[in-house]
Protein backbone atom coordinates (compact mmCIF):
# COMPACT_ATOMS: atom_id res chain seq x y z
CA MET A 1 0.00 0.00 0.00
CA ASP A 2 1.41 3.39 -1.02
CA ASP A 3 2.25 5.85 1.68
CA VAL A 4 -0.16 8.74 1.89
CA ALA A 5 1.68 11.95 1.10
CA LYS A 6 1.53 14.46 3.88
CA PRO A 7 0.24 17.89 2.87
CA ILE A 8 2.94 20.53 2.64
CA THR A 9 2.13 23.48 4.82
CA SER A 10 3.87 26.80 4.57
CA PRO A 11 5.22 28.33 7.77
CA PRO A 12 3.03 30.95 9.45
CA ALA A 13 3.65 34.58 8.51
CA TRP A 14 5.07 35.47 11.92
CA ILE A 15 7.87 32.90 11.50
CA THR A 16 9.00 34.68 8.34
CA ALA A 17 9.11 38.09 10.02
CA ALA A 18 10.31 36.90 13.43
CA PRO A 19 14.10 36.82 12.72
CA ALA A 20 14.32 40.45 11.58
CA VAL A 21 12.09 41.71 14.40
CA PHE A 22 14.02 39.70 16.97
CA VAL A 23 17.45 40.93 15.85
CA LEU A 24 16.38 44.58 15.85
CA LEU A 25 14.61 44.54 19.23
CA TRP A 26 17.22 42.33 20.91
CA SER A 27 20.17 44.38 19.66
CA GLY A 28 18.53 47.66 20.65
CA GLY A 29 18.21 46.39 24.20
CA PHE A 30 21.96 46.78 24.78
CA ALA A 31 21.93 50.53 24.11
CA PHE A 32 18.70 51.09 26.06
CA ALA A 33 20.14 49.16 28.99
CA LYS A 34 23.16 51.47 28.96
CA LEU A 35 20.82 54.47 29.02
CA GLY A 36 18.96 53.10 32.03
CA LEU A 37 22.15 52.21 33.89
CA ARG A 38 23.05 55.89 33.93
CA HIS A 39 20.23 56.37 36.44
CA ALA A 40 20.05 53.10 38.43
CA GLU A 41 22.33 50.34 39.70
CA PRO A 42 22.24 47.07 37.73
CA PHE A 43 20.45 44.76 40.18
CA THR A 44 17.98 47.51 41.09
CA PHE A 45 17.30 48.23 37.43
CA LEU A 46 16.74 44.54 36.67
CA ALA A 47 14.53 43.99 39.73
CA LEU A 48 12.34 46.96 38.73
CA ARG A 49 12.20 45.70 35.14
CA TYR A 50 11.08 42.25 36.27
CA LEU A 51 8.60 43.67 38.78
CA VAL A 52 6.89 45.67 36.02
CA LEU A 53 6.88 42.60 33.79
CA VAL A 54 5.36 40.38 36.47
CA VAL A 55 2.61 42.92 37.18
CA CYS A 56 1.79 43.22 33.46
CA LEU A 57 1.73 39.45 33.02
CA VAL A 58 -0.42 38.89 36.11
CA VAL A 59 -3.01 41.25 34.63
CA LEU A 60 -2.84 39.45 31.27
CA PHE A 61 -3.07 36.10 33.03
CA ALA A 62 -6.21 37.19 34.88
CA LEU A 63 -7.81 38.44 31.65
CA LEU A 64 -6.84 35.58 29.34
CA ARG A 65 -6.80 32.70 31.86
CA PRO A 66 -4.28 30.61 29.89
CA PRO A 67 -3.62 27.01 30.97
CA LEU A 68 -1.03 26.36 33.63
CA PRO A 69 1.81 23.85 33.12
CA ALA A 70 0.25 20.40 33.25
CA THR A 71 2.87 18.90 35.57
CA ARG A 72 5.43 20.01 38.10
CA ALA A 73 8.13 18.92 35.68
CA GLU A 74 6.88 21.36 33.04
CA LEU A 75 6.77 24.12 35.63
CA GLY A 76 10.31 23.25 36.68
CA HIS A 77 11.55 23.34 33.08
CA GLN A 78 10.18 26.86 32.63
CA ALA A 79 11.82 27.91 35.89
CA VAL A 80 15.21 26.59 34.73
CA VAL A 81 14.92 28.46 31.41
CA GLY A 82 14.06 31.60 33.38
CA LEU A 83 17.09 31.12 35.62
CA PHE A 84 19.54 30.91 32.72
CA ILE A 85 18.04 33.24 30.10
CA GLN A 86 16.29 35.81 32.27
CA SER A 87 18.37 35.84 35.47
CA LEU A 88 21.97 34.84 34.78
CA TYR A 89 22.20 36.21 31.26
CA PHE A 90 20.87 39.66 32.12
CA ILE A 91 22.65 39.94 35.47
CA LEU A 92 26.01 39.27 33.81
CA THR A 93 25.11 41.53 30.88
CA TYR A 94 24.32 44.53 33.07
CA VAL A 95 27.38 44.01 35.26
CA ALA A 96 29.54 43.87 32.11
CA PHE A 97 28.08 47.18 30.94
CA VAL A 98 28.72 48.81 34.31
CA LEU A 99 32.34 47.61 34.10
CA GLY A 100 32.76 49.42 30.80
CA VAL A 101 32.13 46.80 28.12
CA SER A 102 30.71 48.48 25.00
CA ALA A 103 27.50 47.30 23.34
CA GLY A 104 29.40 46.24 20.22
CA THR A 105 32.05 44.30 22.14
CA PHE A 106 29.45 42.54 24.25
CA GLY A 107 27.46 41.67 21.16
CA VAL A 108 30.56 40.16 19.59
CA VAL A 109 31.21 37.93 22.60
CA VAL A 110 27.59 36.74 22.64
CA ALA A 111 27.81 36.08 18.88
CA PHE A 112 30.07 33.13 19.64
CA GLN A 113 26.87 31.31 20.62
CA PRO A 114 26.37 29.91 17.09
CA ILE A 115 29.82 28.31 17.25
CA LEU A 116 28.98 26.67 20.58
CA VAL A 117 25.58 25.62 19.29
CA GLY A 118 27.08 24.22 16.10
CA LEU A 119 29.62 22.19 18.05
CA LEU A 120 27.12 20.83 20.56
CA ALA A 121 23.91 20.53 18.50
CA LEU A 122 24.50 16.94 17.39
CA ARG A 123 25.26 15.69 20.90
CA VAL A 124 22.81 17.71 22.96
CA ALA A 125 19.84 18.45 20.70
CA GLY A 126 20.14 15.52 18.32
CA GLU A 127 20.65 17.71 15.25
CA SER A 128 23.12 17.25 12.41
CA VAL A 129 24.86 20.39 11.20
CA PRO A 130 25.46 20.30 7.41
CA VAL A 131 28.65 21.57 5.79
CA THR A 132 26.83 24.60 4.40
CA ARG A 133 25.80 25.55 7.93
CA TRP A 134 29.39 25.29 9.11
CA ALA A 135 30.48 27.49 6.20
CA GLY A 136 27.87 30.08 7.17
CA LEU A 137 29.03 30.02 10.78
CA ALA A 138 32.63 30.48 9.65
CA ILE A 139 31.75 33.44 7.41
CA GLY A 140 29.71 34.99 10.21
CA MET A 141 32.63 34.56 12.58
CA VAL A 142 34.84 36.53 10.19
CA GLY A 143 32.31 39.37 10.36
CA VAL A 144 32.32 39.18 14.16
CA VAL A 145 36.13 39.44 14.23
CA VAL A 146 36.01 42.48 11.94
CA VAL A 147 33.53 44.21 14.25
CA ILE A 148 35.49 43.52 17.44
CA THR A 149 38.75 44.60 15.79
CA ALA A 150 37.20 47.86 14.61
CA THR A 151 35.81 48.65 18.07
CA THR A 152 38.71 47.47 20.23
CA GLY A 153 39.44 50.95 21.56
CA ILE A 154 35.80 51.76 22.39
CA GLY A 155 34.84 51.57 26.05
CA ASP A 156 36.99 50.87 29.08
CA SER A 157 36.41 47.11 29.02
CA THR A 158 37.90 45.41 32.05
CA GLN A 159 38.98 41.79 32.29
CA VAL A 160 36.16 41.14 34.75
CA GLY A 161 33.69 42.74 32.35
CA ILE A 162 34.81 40.49 29.51
CA LEU A 163 34.52 37.47 31.82
CA CYS A 164 30.98 38.54 32.66
CA SER A 165 30.26 38.77 28.93
CA VAL A 166 31.54 35.22 28.43
CA GLY A 167 29.43 34.07 31.38
CA ALA A 168 26.36 35.67 29.76
CA LEU A 169 27.17 33.80 26.56
CA LEU A 170 27.31 30.48 28.42
CA ALA A 171 24.06 31.25 30.27
CA MET A 172 22.20 32.04 27.05
CA THR A 173 23.61 28.96 25.29
CA THR A 174 22.66 26.69 28.20
CA GLY A 175 19.15 28.15 28.39
CA THR A 176 18.69 27.76 24.63
CA PHE A 177 19.64 24.10 24.68
CA TYR A 178 17.56 23.42 27.75
CA GLU A 179 14.51 25.01 26.14
CA LYS A 180 15.08 23.01 22.96
CA ARG A 181 15.43 19.71 24.79
CA PHE A 182 12.95 20.02 27.67
CA GLY A 183 10.67 22.90 26.71
CA THR A 184 7.04 22.10 25.94
CA GLU A 185 4.31 24.07 24.25
CA GLN A 186 3.14 26.62 26.79
CA HIS A 187 0.98 29.69 26.43
CA PRO A 188 3.42 32.63 26.14
CA VAL A 189 1.79 34.46 29.05
CA THR A 190 2.18 31.43 31.31
CA ALA A 191 5.76 30.72 30.25
CA ASN A 192 6.85 34.34 30.59
CA LEU A 193 5.15 34.76 33.95
CA VAL A 194 6.98 31.76 35.42
CA GLN A 195 10.32 32.87 33.99
CA TYR A 196 10.04 36.49 35.13
CA VAL A 197 8.94 35.51 38.62
CA VAL A 198 12.15 33.43 38.84
CA ALA A 199 14.16 36.40 37.57
CA LEU A 200 12.54 38.79 40.07
CA VAL A 201 13.15 36.41 42.96
CA THR A 202 16.80 36.18 41.89
CA CYS A 203 17.51 39.89 41.32
CA ALA A 204 15.55 41.55 44.13
CA PRO A 205 17.65 40.07 46.98
CA LEU A 206 20.86 41.07 45.16
CA ALA A 207 19.61 44.66 44.95
CA LEU A 208 18.66 44.66 48.64
CA LEU A 209 21.99 43.21 49.74
CA PHE A 210 24.50 45.02 47.54
CA GLU A 211 22.98 48.27 46.28
CA THR A 212 21.46 51.52 47.52
CA MET A 213 18.39 50.99 45.28
CA ARG A 214 18.29 54.70 44.39
CA ILE A 215 16.72 55.54 41.01
CA GLU A 216 16.78 58.81 39.08
CA TRP A 217 13.33 58.98 37.49
CA THR A 218 14.32 60.89 34.36
CA THR A 219 12.59 60.72 30.99
CA GLU A 220 15.59 58.83 29.66
CA PHE A 221 15.24 56.19 32.37
CA VAL A 222 11.49 55.76 31.85
CA VAL A 223 11.92 55.37 28.08
CA SER A 224 14.71 52.86 28.65
CA LEU A 225 12.60 50.84 31.10
CA ALA A 226 9.59 50.86 28.77
CA TYR A 227 11.65 49.62 25.81
CA LEU A 228 13.28 46.85 27.83
CA VAL A 229 9.94 45.69 29.25
CA VAL A 230 7.96 45.71 26.00
CA GLY A 231 10.47 45.38 23.17
CA ASN A 232 13.30 43.44 24.75
CA SER A 233 11.37 41.16 27.10
CA LEU A 234 7.74 40.69 26.09
CA ILE A 235 8.34 40.66 22.33
CA SER A 236 11.92 39.66 21.47
CA LEU A 237 12.41 36.91 24.06
CA THR A 238 9.00 35.45 23.27
CA LEU A 239 10.00 35.36 19.59
CA LEU A 240 13.33 33.73 20.47
CA LEU A 241 11.74 30.88 22.43
CA ALA A 242 9.05 30.42 19.75
CA MET A 243 11.67 30.21 17.00
CA ILE A 244 13.65 27.67 19.01
CA ARG A 245 10.58 25.44 19.21
CA ALA A 246 9.70 25.97 15.54
CA GLY A 247 13.14 25.35 13.97
CA GLU A 248 16.57 23.84 14.47
CA VAL A 249 18.44 25.36 17.36
CA SER A 250 21.62 25.86 15.31
CA ARG A 251 19.70 27.81 12.63
CA VAL A 252 18.02 30.07 15.18
CA SER A 253 21.31 30.73 16.94
CA ALA A 254 22.90 31.84 13.65
CA LEU A 255 20.79 35.01 14.00
CA PHE A 256 23.10 36.10 16.80
CA PHE A 257 25.76 36.90 14.20
CA LEU A 258 23.66 39.94 13.30
CA VAL A 259 23.53 41.19 16.88
CA PRO A 260 27.06 42.76 17.19
CA PRO A 261 26.86 45.13 14.21
CA THR A 262 23.23 45.99 14.89
CA ALA A 263 23.90 46.62 18.58
CA ALA A 264 26.91 48.79 17.70
CA ALA A 265 24.85 50.82 15.23
CA VAL A 266 22.03 51.42 17.74
CA ALA A 267 24.55 52.30 20.48
CA TRP A 268 26.21 54.75 18.09
CA LEU A 269 22.85 56.48 17.62
CA LEU A 270 21.67 56.42 21.24
CA VAL A 271 24.73 56.54 23.52
CA ASP A 272 27.34 57.94 21.13
CA GLU A 273 29.51 54.80 20.94
CA ALA A 274 31.63 55.22 17.81
CA MET A 275 30.91 53.01 14.78
CA PRO A 276 33.96 52.90 12.43
CA TRP A 277 33.51 52.01 8.77
CA GLN A 278 35.30 48.71 9.36
CA ALA A 279 32.48 47.70 11.70
CA TRP A 280 29.94 48.36 8.97
CA LEU A 281 31.97 46.05 6.74
CA GLY A 282 31.79 43.43 9.48
CA MET A 283 28.01 43.82 9.51
CA ALA A 284 27.86 42.94 5.81
CA VAL A 285 30.10 39.89 6.27
CA ALA A 286 28.06 38.71 9.26
CA LEU A 287 24.87 39.02 7.21
CA ALA A 288 26.43 36.90 4.46
CA GLY A 289 27.20 34.25 7.07
CA VAL A 290 23.62 34.20 8.33
CA VAL A 291 22.25 33.88 4.79
CA THR A 292 24.64 30.99 4.07
CA ALA A 293 23.79 29.22 7.34
CA THR A 294 20.04 29.50 6.85
CA LYS A 295 20.22 28.32 3.23
CA ALA A 296 21.25 24.88 4.52
CA ARG A 297 17.84 24.29 6.05
CA SER A 298 15.99 25.70 3.03
CA ALA A 299 17.86 23.43 0.63
CA LYS A 300 17.23 20.42 2.85
CA ALA A 301 13.54 21.25 3.10
CA GLY A 302 13.27 21.73 -0.66
CA ALA A 303 14.84 18.33 -1.32
CA ALA A 304 12.54 16.53 1.11
């Protein structure tokens, strides 16, 4: 008996637009975080950010009444993702910025995530990485090196700040793999609420113990907080986790090659961090790497 051919369905429209929206909103978060850190200490700023998010999500939860995680295991998985991606990643990011790491430099360090993902995808997530994908990652890495070389003299980056940047990279990579392997379909309001409660519970005690918790309520600070709550948290991170569930983790992570040049460009506009022409060249090379890496999946899908 012949096999019944499965109907070919095109991906939803939001999947097509999600990568560009994610890169822009995620990259802009670095510069807006730097703006906010001019008026508040890092743990205090993060605790306030997560408090606002939790309040917003509690209201949405009461209005929409989405389903809760079916089991304690599912709840625990969401909590672990929140610990790595929401707590550790952002804590180390903000500390790195306070220590003088520029947005472009930090973005370059985090852009090593595709290399880590490519090396570990087969073992951890059960994915094979085709040669074309490796070529795309290599090209993107060249673009990353160009950006970091062009911006070496920007910002008073300390050794501890760079170590914090590397720690943020490891936290994001771990959270991405964990979500890919153990994450289950959850309503975005439910998933975000669990993750941001974990982040708030982590950051608030650090602010109480180590900081004065003083905030300068300037227009600049309010705009920064609003962007980070809506654009960087509610929209971009939701898109990231949705893309991880919808596609191969190595393909999604290739988007991070676009973060360094985009973050540097936004920081140049908002916080006056210089953007040399060599860094713009790196942006073009990084984009070529992303296109090459993503073509691997398209070619494979077309041949199927």
